[in-house]
Amino acid sequence: MPPGAENSDRFNERRKKDEDYQKQLPGDEEAPLPPPVDTIRAGAKPKRNEPCPCGSGKKYKQCCAKK
């Protein structure tokens, strides 16, 4: 084996792996990704001394805030 042949073999193997990887990436011919979706957020959390939204009649801090 001539000197440097081992390096060229590794170079060719690495180049082949890189080409295979590039084939997996989306290209110009594929459809673009859809735009990101906005996060759905729940309503505002009640404050500690407001009535609990579960309908128990207790203050929020004495009812659902303890869970």
PDB file of N, CA and C in Angstrom:
ATOM      1  N   MET A   1       0.848  -1.170   0.000  1.00  0.00           N
ATOM      2  CA  MET A   1       0.000   0.000   0.000  1.00  0.00           C
ATOM      3  C   MET A   1       0.897   1.237   0.000  1.00  0.00           C
ATOM      4  N   PRO A   2       0.728   2.112  -0.961  1.00  0.00           N
ATOM      5  CA  PRO A   2       1.590   3.304  -1.016  1.00  0.00           C
ATOM      6  C   PRO A   2       1.265   4.253   0.137  1.00  0.00           C
ATOM      7  N   PRO A   3       2.274   5.042   0.534  1.00  0.00           N
ATOM      8  CA  PRO A   3       2.021   5.986   1.625  1.00  0.00           C
ATOM      9  C   PRO A   3       0.940   6.991   1.227  1.00  0.00           C
ATOM     10  N   GLY A   4       0.042   7.247   2.153  1.00  0.00           N
ATOM     11  CA  GLY A   4      -1.045   8.180   1.896  1.00  0.00           C
ATOM     12  C   GLY A   4      -2.287   7.522   1.341  1.00  0.00           C
ATOM     13  N   ALA A   5      -2.208   6.247   0.972  1.00  0.00           N
ATOM     14  CA  ALA A   5      -3.373   5.549   0.424  1.00  0.00           C
ATOM     15  C   ALA A   5      -4.429   5.346   1.493  1.00  0.00           C
ATOM     16  N   GLU A   6      -3.967   5.122   2.710  1.00  0.00           N
ATOM     17  CA  GLU A   6      -4.913   4.937   3.819  1.00  0.00           C
ATOM     18  C   GLU A   6      -5.716   6.220   4.049  1.00  0.00           C
ATOM     19  N   ASN A   7      -5.047   7.356   3.967  1.00  0.00           N
ATOM     20  CA  ASN A   7      -5.727   8.645   4.144  1.00  0.00           C
ATOM     21  C   ASN A   7      -6.734   8.890   3.032  1.00  0.00           C
ATOM     22  N   SER A   8      -6.396   8.522   1.815  1.00  0.00           N
ATOM     23  CA  SER A   8      -7.323   8.748   0.704  1.00  0.00           C
ATOM     24  C   SER A   8      -8.529   7.821   0.828  1.00  0.00           C
ATOM     25  N   ASP A   9      -8.317   6.591   1.364  1.00  0.00           N
ATOM     26  CA  ASP A   9      -9.458   5.694   1.588  1.00  0.00           C
ATOM     27  C   ASP A   9     -10.412   6.291   2.621  1.00  0.00           C
ATOM     28  N   ARG A  10      -9.841   6.816   3.700  1.00  0.00           N
ATOM     29  CA  ARG A  10     -10.691   7.436   4.723  1.00  0.00           C
ATOM     30  C   ARG A  10     -11.389   8.669   4.184  1.00  0.00           C
ATOM     31  N   PHE A  11     -10.680   9.424   3.349  1.00  0.00           N
ATOM     32  CA  PHE A  11     -11.276  10.609   2.746  1.00  0.00           C
ATOM     33  C   PHE A  11     -12.465  10.221   1.870  1.00  0.00           C
ATOM     34  N   ASN A  12     -12.291   9.180   1.053  1.00  0.00           N
ATOM     35  CA  ASN A  12     -13.363   8.738   0.164  1.00  0.00           C
ATOM     36  C   ASN A  12     -14.559   8.199   0.951  1.00  0.00           C
ATOM     37  N   GLU A  13     -14.294   7.472   2.054  1.00  0.00           N
ATOM     38  CA  GLU A  13     -15.387   6.980   2.898  1.00  0.00           C
ATOM     39  C   GLU A  13     -16.156   8.149   3.513  1.00  0.00           C
ATOM     40  N   ARG A  14     -15.435   9.126   4.013  1.00  0.00           N
ATOM     41  CA  ARG A  14     -16.059  10.296   4.629  1.00  0.00           C
ATOM     42  C   ARG A  14     -16.880  11.068   3.594  1.00  0.00           C
ATOM     43  N   ARG A  15     -16.334  11.223   2.396  1.00  0.00           N
ATOM     44  CA  ARG A  15     -17.041  11.935   1.336  1.00  0.00           C
ATOM     45  C   ARG A  15     -18.336  11.213   0.958  1.00  0.00           C
ATOM     46  N   LYS A  16     -18.288   9.884   0.914  1.00  0.00           N
ATOM     47  CA  LYS A  16     -19.475   9.091   0.598  1.00  0.00           C
ATOM     48  C   LYS A  16     -20.537   9.279   1.674  1.00  0.00           C
ATOM     49  N   LYS A  17     -20.134   9.259   2.948  1.00  0.00           N
ATOM     50  CA  LYS A  17     -21.077   9.473   4.051  1.00  0.00           C
ATOM     51  C   LYS A  17     -21.705  10.858   3.963  1.00  0.00           C
ATOM     52  N   ASP A  18     -20.891  11.866   3.645  1.00  0.00           N
ATOM     53  CA  ASP A  18     -21.408  13.234   3.516  1.00  0.00           C
ATOM     54  C   ASP A  18     -22.420  13.339   2.373  1.00  0.00           C
ATOM     55  N   GLU A  19     -22.136  12.686   1.254  1.00  0.00           N
ATOM     56  CA  GLU A  19     -23.062  12.719   0.123  1.00  0.00           C
ATOM     57  C   GLU A  19     -24.377  12.030   0.475  1.00  0.00           C
ATOM     58  N   ASP A  20     -24.292  10.903   1.181  1.00  0.00           N
ATOM     59  CA  ASP A  20     -25.509  10.202   1.607  1.00  0.00           C
ATOM     60  C   ASP A  20     -26.335  11.071   2.552  1.00  0.00           C
ATOM     61  N   TYR A  21     -25.646  11.777   3.433  1.00  0.00           N
ATOM     62  CA  TYR A  21     -26.345  12.652   4.372  1.00  0.00           C
ATOM     63  C   TYR A  21     -27.019  13.802   3.630  1.00  0.00           C
ATOM     64  N   GLN A  22     -26.356  14.371   2.656  1.00  0.00           N
ATOM     65  CA  GLN A  22     -26.925  15.482   1.889  1.00  0.00           C
ATOM     66  C   GLN A  22     -28.192  15.053   1.149  1.00  0.00           C
ATOM     67  N   LYS A  23     -28.261  13.788   0.735  1.00  0.00           N
ATOM     68  CA  LYS A  23     -29.446  13.290   0.043  1.00  0.00           C
ATOM     69  C   LYS A  23     -30.653  13.236   0.971  1.00  0.00           C
ATOM     70  N   GLN A  24     -30.420  13.106   2.275  1.00  0.00           N
ATOM     71  CA  GLN A  24     -31.505  13.025   3.249  1.00  0.00           C
ATOM     72  C   GLN A  24     -32.100  14.390   3.560  1.00  0.00           C
ATOM     73  N   LEU A  25     -31.333  15.455   3.364  1.00  0.00           N
ATOM     74  CA  LEU A  25     -31.800  16.795   3.692  1.00  0.00           C
ATOM     75  C   LEU A  25     -32.812  17.274   2.660  1.00  0.00           C
ATOM     76  N   PRO A  26     -33.800  18.098   3.083  1.00  0.00           N
ATOM     77  CA  PRO A  26     -34.768  18.620   2.122  1.00  0.00           C
ATOM     78  C   PRO A  26     -34.082  19.586   1.154  1.00  0.00           C
ATOM     79  N   GLY A  27     -34.472  19.513  -0.078  1.00  0.00           N
ATOM     80  CA  GLY A  27     -33.873  20.369  -1.092  1.00  0.00           C
ATOM     81  C   GLY A  27     -34.864  21.387  -1.620  1.00  0.00           C
ATOM     82  N   ASP A  28     -34.490  22.068  -2.676  1.00  0.00           N
ATOM     83  CA  ASP A  28     -35.343  23.089  -3.277  1.00  0.00           C
ATOM     84  C   ASP A  28     -36.573  22.475  -3.940  1.00  0.00           C
ATOM     85  N   GLU A  29     -36.455  21.224  -4.404  1.00  0.00           N
ATOM     86  CA  GLU A  29     -37.570  20.608  -5.118  1.00  0.00           C
ATOM     87  C   GLU A  29     -38.690  20.168  -4.180  1.00  0.00           C
ATOM     88  N   GLU A  30     -38.426  20.095  -2.894  1.00  0.00           N
ATOM     89  CA  GLU A  30     -39.454  19.674  -1.943  1.00  0.00           C
ATOM     90  C   GLU A  30     -40.245  20.877  -1.441  1.00  0.00           C
ATOM     91  N   ALA A  31     -41.447  20.618  -0.965  1.00  0.00           N
ATOM     92  CA  ALA A  31     -42.300  21.691  -0.455  1.00  0.00           C
ATOM     93  C   ALA A  31     -41.692  22.270   0.825  1.00  0.00           C
ATOM     94  N   PRO A  32     -41.799  23.578   1.031  1.00  0.00           N
ATOM     95  CA  PRO A  32     -41.247  24.165   2.261  1.00  0.00           C
ATOM     96  C   PRO A  32     -42.070  23.752   3.467  1.00  0.00           C
ATOM     97  N   LEU A  33     -41.472  23.894   4.617  1.00  0.00           N
ATOM     98  CA  LEU A  33     -42.166  23.561   5.859  1.00  0.00           C
ATOM     99  C   LEU A  33     -43.306  24.550   6.098  1.00  0.00           C
ATOM    100  N   PRO A  34     -44.393  24.115   6.738  1.00  0.00           N
ATOM    101  CA  PRO A  34     -45.490  25.042   7.028  1.00  0.00           C
ATOM    102  C   PRO A  34     -45.052  26.060   8.085  1.00  0.00           C
ATOM    103  N   PRO A  35     -45.725  27.202   8.142  1.00  0.00           N
ATOM    104  CA  PRO A  35     -45.341  28.211   9.140  1.00  0.00           C
ATOM    105  C   PRO A  35     -45.616  27.687  10.549  1.00  0.00           C
ATOM    106  N   PRO A  36     -44.885  28.179  11.548  1.00  0.00           N
ATOM    107  CA  PRO A  36     -45.097  27.713  12.914  1.00  0.00           C
ATOM    108  C   PRO A  36     -46.493  28.088  13.419  1.00  0.00           C
ATOM    109  N   VAL A  37     -47.030  27.276  14.290  1.00  0.00           N
ATOM    110  CA  VAL A  37     -48.367  27.472  14.825  1.00  0.00           C
ATOM    111  C   VAL A  37     -48.260  28.198  16.169  1.00  0.00           C
ATOM    112  N   ASP A  38     -49.148  29.163  16.391  1.00  0.00           N
ATOM    113  CA  ASP A  38     -49.163  29.870  17.666  1.00  0.00           C
ATOM    114  C   ASP A  38     -49.627  28.939  18.775  1.00  0.00           C
ATOM    115  N   THR A  39     -49.063  29.109  19.957  1.00  0.00           N
ATOM    116  CA  THR A  39     -49.416  28.292  21.106  1.00  0.00           C
ATOM    117  C   THR A  39     -50.785  28.709  21.645  1.00  0.00           C
ATOM    118  N   ILE A  40     -51.594  27.739  21.979  1.00  0.00           N
ATOM    119  CA  ILE A  40     -52.898  28.020  22.567  1.00  0.00           C
ATOM    120  C   ILE A  40     -52.701  28.152  24.075  1.00  0.00           C
ATOM    121  N   ARG A  41     -53.102  29.271  24.615  1.00  0.00           N
ATOM    122  CA  ARG A  41     -52.911  29.517  26.042  1.00  0.00           C
ATOM    123  C   ARG A  41     -54.269  29.512  26.745  1.00  0.00           C
ATOM    124  N   ALA A  42     -54.276  29.007  27.970  1.00  0.00           N
ATOM    125  CA  ALA A  42     -55.498  28.987  28.766  1.00  0.00           C
ATOM    126  C   ALA A  42     -55.780  30.402  29.278  1.00  0.00           C
ATOM    127  N   GLY A  43     -56.965  30.587  29.809  1.00  0.00           N
ATOM    128  CA  GLY A  43     -57.318  31.885  30.366  1.00  0.00           C
ATOM    129  C   GLY A  43     -56.436  32.246  31.540  1.00  0.00           C
ATOM    130  N   ALA A  44     -56.571  33.453  32.006  1.00  0.00           N
ATOM    131  CA  ALA A  44     -55.749  33.932  33.111  1.00  0.00           C
ATOM    132  C   ALA A  44     -56.054  33.137  34.380  1.00  0.00           C
ATOM    133  N   LYS A  45     -55.039  32.818  35.128  1.00  0.00           N
ATOM    134  CA  LYS A  45     -55.190  32.096  36.388  1.00  0.00           C
ATOM    135  C   LYS A  45     -55.777  33.058  37.422  1.00  0.00           C
ATOM    136  N   PRO A  46     -56.767  32.596  38.208  1.00  0.00           N
ATOM    137  CA  PRO A  46     -57.350  33.502  39.208  1.00  0.00           C
ATOM    138  C   PRO A  46     -56.342  33.839  40.300  1.00  0.00           C
ATOM    139  N   LYS A  47     -56.522  35.001  40.868  1.00  0.00           N
ATOM    140  CA  LYS A  47     -55.642  35.411  41.962  1.00  0.00           C
ATOM    141  C   LYS A  47     -56.029  34.648  43.228  1.00  0.00           C
ATOM    142  N   ARG A  48     -55.187  34.688  44.238  1.00  0.00           N
ATOM    143  CA  ARG A  48     -55.377  33.865  45.441  1.00  0.00           C
ATOM    144  C   ARG A  48     -56.687  34.132  46.166  1.00  0.00           C
ATOM    145  N   ASN A  49     -57.108  35.385  46.256  1.00  0.00           N
ATOM    146  CA  ASN A  49     -58.289  35.713  47.053  1.00  0.00           C
ATOM    147  C   ASN A  49     -59.578  35.790  46.238  1.00  0.00           C
ATOM    148  N   GLU A  50     -59.537  35.451  44.963  1.00  0.00           N
ATOM    149  CA  GLU A  50     -60.752  35.442  44.153  1.00  0.00           C
ATOM    150  C   GLU A  50     -61.486  34.118  44.358  1.00  0.00           C
ATOM    151  N   PRO A  51     -62.792  34.103  44.067  1.00  0.00           N
ATOM    152  CA  PRO A  51     -63.541  32.841  44.177  1.00  0.00           C
ATOM    153  C   PRO A  51     -62.978  31.798  43.213  1.00  0.00           C
ATOM    154  N   CYS A  52     -63.002  30.550  43.607  1.00  0.00           N
ATOM    155  CA  CYS A  52     -62.454  29.471  42.800  1.00  0.00           C
ATOM    156  C   CYS A  52     -63.333  29.252  41.564  1.00  0.00           C
ATOM    157  N   PRO A  53     -62.740  29.074  40.388  1.00  0.00           N
ATOM    158  CA  PRO A  53     -63.524  28.882  39.172  1.00  0.00           C
ATOM    159  C   PRO A  53     -64.212  27.514  39.113  1.00  0.00           C
ATOM    160  N   CYS A  54     -63.903  26.604  40.044  1.00  0.00           N
ATOM    161  CA  CYS A  54     -64.530  25.284  39.999  1.00  0.00           C
ATOM    162  C   CYS A  54     -65.964  25.334  40.523  1.00  0.00           C
ATOM    163  N   GLY A  55     -66.357  26.457  41.163  1.00  0.00           N
ATOM    164  CA  GLY A  55     -67.731  26.624  41.626  1.00  0.00           C
ATOM    165  C   GLY A  55     -67.967  26.155  43.047  1.00  0.00           C
ATOM    166  N   SER A  56     -66.917  25.902  43.799  1.00  0.00           N
ATOM    167  CA  SER A  56     -67.094  25.403  45.166  1.00  0.00           C
ATOM    168  C   SER A  56     -67.546  26.498  46.131  1.00  0.00           C
ATOM    169  N   GLY A  57     -67.315  27.751  45.776  1.00  0.00           N
ATOM    170  CA  GLY A  57     -67.674  28.852  46.660  1.00  0.00           C
ATOM    171  C   GLY A  57     -66.525  29.257  47.572  1.00  0.00           C
ATOM    172  N   LYS A  58     -65.459  28.482  47.596  1.00  0.00           N
ATOM    173  CA  LYS A  58     -64.301  28.815  48.426  1.00  0.00           C
ATOM    174  C   LYS A  58     -63.381  29.760  47.657  1.00  0.00           C
ATOM    175  N   LYS A  59     -62.446  30.358  48.402  1.00  0.00           N
ATOM    176  CA  LYS A  59     -61.423  31.152  47.729  1.00  0.00           C
ATOM    177  C   LYS A  59     -60.481  30.205  46.990  1.00  0.00           C
ATOM    178  N   TYR A  60     -59.880  30.710  45.943  1.00  0.00           N
ATOM    179  CA  TYR A  60     -58.988  29.887  45.121  1.00  0.00           C
ATOM    180  C   TYR A  60     -57.845  29.311  45.953  1.00  0.00           C
ATOM    181  N   LYS A  61     -57.296  30.109  46.885  1.00  0.00           N
ATOM    182  CA  LYS A  61     -56.139  29.636  47.668  1.00  0.00           C
ATOM    183  C   LYS A  61     -56.522  28.503  48.610  1.00  0.00           C
ATOM    184  N   GLN A  62     -57.812  28.396  48.977  1.00  0.00           N
ATOM    185  CA  GLN A  62     -58.247  27.337  49.867  1.00  0.00           C
ATOM    186  C   GLN A  62     -58.762  26.113  49.109  1.00  0.00           C
ATOM    187  N   CYS A  63     -58.897  26.203  47.805  1.00  0.00           N
ATOM    188  CA  CYS A  63     -59.496  25.114  47.020  1.00  0.00           C
ATOM    189  C   CYS A  63     -58.496  24.533  46.026  1.00  0.00           C
ATOM    190  N   CYS A  64     -58.503  25.012  44.816  1.00  0.00           N
ATOM    191  CA  CYS A  64     -57.717  24.417  43.733  1.00  0.00           C
ATOM    192  C   CYS A  64     -56.250  24.818  43.746  1.00  0.00           C
ATOM    193  N   ALA A  65     -55.876  25.867  44.445  1.00  0.00           N
ATOM    194  CA  ALA A  65     -54.472  26.287  44.476  1.00  0.00           C
ATOM    195  C   ALA A  65     -53.641  25.293  45.283  1.00  0.00           C
ATOM    196  N   LYS A  66     -54.257  24.535  46.190  1.00  0.00           N
ATOM    197  CA  LYS A  66     -53.522  23.584  47.005  1.00  0.00           C
ATOM    198  C   LYS A  66     -53.170  22.326  46.236  1.00  0.00           C
ATOM    199  N   LYS A  67     -53.803  22.075  45.134  1.00  0.00           N
ATOM    200  CA  LYS A  67     -53.569  20.828  44.387  1.00  0.00           C
ATOM    201  C   LYS A  67     -52.283  20.853  43.660  1.00  0.00           C
TER     202      LYS A  67
END
